[in-house]
Amino acid sequence: MLNVSSKCRSLGNNTTASLNLQRALTRAESAKFLGISTRKLDSLATDGKIIRTKIGSKSVFLISDLDDFLDSCRVTDSQSKNTPEKN
């Protein structure tokens, strides 16, 4: 896990540090957290479905944003019954 706040301060990026970021995961950690590939994670971020945070040239993902994404994927049993199964 990456402590984004200290990383931002060391880079001197006051704007990002002022967001009071607490915890973030690398791309690989985020993909593992979600159970998907890093390629799929990048695709979701590019499509705007997951928020990516850039620190210099590195992309990180806040755990809270990953949790929000997971919440957006939730379906009830009645919703899943209306979705055709893929064979």
C-alpha atoms as a PDB file:
ATOM      1  CA  MET A   1       0.000   0.000   0.000  1.00  0.00           C
ATOM      2  CA  LEU A   2       1.101   3.505  -0.752  1.00  0.00           C
ATOM      3  CA  ASN A   3       0.727   6.456   1.607  1.00  0.00           C
ATOM      4  CA  VAL A   4      -0.227   9.119  -0.895  1.00  0.00           C
ATOM      5  CA  SER A   5      -0.040  12.094   1.471  1.00  0.00           C
ATOM      6  CA  SER A   6       3.647  11.698   2.242  1.00  0.00           C
ATOM      7  CA  LYS A   7       4.406  10.916  -1.418  1.00  0.00           C
ATOM      8  CA  CYS A   8       2.678  14.129  -2.537  1.00  0.00           C
ATOM      9  CA  ARG A   9       4.534  16.222   0.013  1.00  0.00           C
ATOM     10  CA  SER A  10       7.845  14.764  -1.114  1.00  0.00           C
ATOM     11  CA  LEU A  11       6.950  15.763  -4.686  1.00  0.00           C
ATOM     12  CA  GLY A  12       5.975  19.250  -3.528  1.00  0.00           C
ATOM     13  CA  ASN A  13       2.490  19.011  -5.044  1.00  0.00           C
ATOM     14  CA  ASN A  14       0.456  21.130  -2.621  1.00  0.00           C
ATOM     15  CA  THR A  15      -2.754  20.797  -4.626  1.00  0.00           C
ATOM     16  CA  THR A  16      -2.813  17.018  -4.416  1.00  0.00           C
ATOM     17  CA  ALA A  17      -1.605  16.950  -0.825  1.00  0.00           C
ATOM     18  CA  SER A  18      -4.350  19.373   0.183  1.00  0.00           C
ATOM     19  CA  LEU A  19      -6.924  16.796  -0.885  1.00  0.00           C
ATOM     20  CA  ASN A  20      -5.929  14.933   2.291  1.00  0.00           C
ATOM     21  CA  LEU A  21      -5.483  11.610   0.521  1.00  0.00           C
ATOM     22  CA  GLN A  22      -5.103   8.814   3.020  1.00  0.00           C
ATOM     23  CA  ARG A  23      -4.580   5.483   1.296  1.00  0.00           C
ATOM     24  CA  ALA A  24      -4.010   4.367  -2.253  1.00  0.00           C
ATOM     25  CA  LEU A  25      -3.060   1.237  -4.143  1.00  0.00           C
ATOM     26  CA  THR A  26      -0.805   0.789  -7.136  1.00  0.00           C
ATOM     27  CA  ARG A  27      -2.275  -0.416 -10.430  1.00  0.00           C
ATOM     28  CA  ALA A  28      -1.300  -4.013  -9.702  1.00  0.00           C
ATOM     29  CA  GLU A  29      -2.653  -3.872  -6.145  1.00  0.00           C
ATOM     30  CA  SER A  30      -5.885  -2.247  -7.347  1.00  0.00           C
ATOM     31  CA  ALA A  31      -6.419  -4.879 -10.022  1.00  0.00           C
ATOM     32  CA  LYS A  32      -5.836  -7.639  -7.484  1.00  0.00           C
ATOM     33  CA  PHE A  33      -8.190  -5.909  -5.009  1.00  0.00           C
ATOM     34  CA  LEU A  34     -10.933  -5.943  -7.673  1.00  0.00           C
ATOM     35  CA  GLY A  35     -10.066  -9.374  -9.066  1.00  0.00           C
ATOM     36  CA  ILE A  36      -9.417  -8.063 -12.584  1.00  0.00           C
ATOM     37  CA  SER A  37      -6.397  -7.590 -14.844  1.00  0.00           C
ATOM     38  CA  THR A  38      -4.412  -4.356 -14.946  1.00  0.00           C
ATOM     39  CA  ARG A  39      -5.495  -4.012 -18.586  1.00  0.00           C
ATOM     40  CA  LYS A  40      -9.167  -4.117 -17.538  1.00  0.00           C
ATOM     41  CA  LEU A  41      -8.443  -1.645 -14.719  1.00  0.00           C
ATOM     42  CA  ASP A  42      -6.838   0.754 -17.211  1.00  0.00           C
ATOM     43  CA  SER A  43      -9.831   0.378 -19.503  1.00  0.00           C
ATOM     44  CA  LEU A  44     -12.265   1.162 -16.670  1.00  0.00           C
ATOM     45  CA  ALA A  45     -10.201   4.215 -15.717  1.00  0.00           C
ATOM     46  CA  THR A  46     -10.006   5.422 -19.329  1.00  0.00           C
ATOM     47  CA  ASP A  47     -13.793   5.015 -19.641  1.00  0.00           C
ATOM     48  CA  GLY A  48     -14.258   7.077 -16.454  1.00  0.00           C
ATOM     49  CA  LYS A  49     -15.790   4.213 -14.477  1.00  0.00           C
ATOM     50  CA  ILE A  50     -12.969   4.222 -11.910  1.00  0.00           C
ATOM     51  CA  ILE A  51     -11.185   7.373 -10.789  1.00  0.00           C
ATOM     52  CA  ARG A  52      -7.429   7.327 -11.294  1.00  0.00           C
ATOM     53  CA  THR A  53      -5.112   9.604  -9.303  1.00  0.00           C
ATOM     54  CA  LYS A  54      -1.869  10.663 -10.957  1.00  0.00           C
ATOM     55  CA  ILE A  55       1.183  11.393  -8.829  1.00  0.00           C
ATOM     56  CA  GLY A  56       3.902  12.431 -11.194  1.00  0.00           C
ATOM     57  CA  SER A  57       3.973   9.722 -13.843  1.00  0.00           C
ATOM     58  CA  LYS A  58       2.457   7.071 -11.550  1.00  0.00           C
ATOM     59  CA  SER A  59      -1.211   6.145 -11.407  1.00  0.00           C
ATOM     60  CA  VAL A  60      -2.683   5.126  -8.086  1.00  0.00           C
ATOM     61  CA  PHE A  61      -6.217   4.321  -7.033  1.00  0.00           C
ATOM     62  CA  LEU A  62      -7.768   5.420  -3.766  1.00  0.00           C
ATOM     63  CA  ILE A  63      -9.340   2.571  -1.854  1.00  0.00           C
ATOM     64  CA  SER A  64     -12.447   4.718  -1.355  1.00  0.00           C
ATOM     65  CA  ASP A  65     -12.785   5.097  -5.151  1.00  0.00           C
ATOM     66  CA  LEU A  66     -12.396   1.354  -5.646  1.00  0.00           C
ATOM     67  CA  ASP A  67     -15.071   0.778  -3.006  1.00  0.00           C
ATOM     68  CA  ASP A  68     -17.356   3.271  -4.794  1.00  0.00           C
ATOM     69  CA  PHE A  69     -16.821   1.372  -8.045  1.00  0.00           C
ATOM     70  CA  LEU A  70     -17.687  -1.924  -6.358  1.00  0.00           C
ATOM     71  CA  ASP A  71     -20.824  -0.363  -4.889  1.00  0.00           C
ATOM     72  CA  SER A  72     -21.861   0.795  -8.376  1.00  0.00           C
ATOM     73  CA  CYS A  73     -21.580  -2.812  -9.622  1.00  0.00           C
ATOM     74  CA  ARG A  74     -23.997  -4.222  -7.058  1.00  0.00           C
ATOM     75  CA  VAL A  75     -27.188  -5.815  -8.343  1.00  0.00           C
ATOM     76  CA  THR A  76     -30.121  -7.390  -6.564  1.00  0.00           C
ATOM     77  CA  ASP A  77     -31.330 -10.895  -7.382  1.00  0.00           C
ATOM     78  CA  SER A  78     -34.251  -9.442  -9.341  1.00  0.00           C
ATOM     79  CA  GLN A  79     -31.872  -7.305 -11.417  1.00  0.00           C
ATOM     80  CA  SER A  80     -29.614 -10.258 -12.214  1.00  0.00           C
ATOM     81  CA  LYS A  81     -32.588 -12.396 -13.310  1.00  0.00           C
ATOM     82  CA  ASN A  82     -33.468  -9.775 -15.924  1.00  0.00           C
ATOM     83  CA  THR A  83     -29.959  -9.912 -17.373  1.00  0.00           C
ATOM     84  CA  PRO A  84     -29.488 -12.590 -20.057  1.00  0.00           C
ATOM     85  CA  GLU A  85     -26.825 -15.134 -19.206  1.00  0.00           C
ATOM     86  CA  LYS A  86     -23.749 -15.288 -21.401  1.00  0.00           C
ATOM     87  CA  ASN A  87     -22.802 -18.746 -22.609  1.00  0.00           C
END
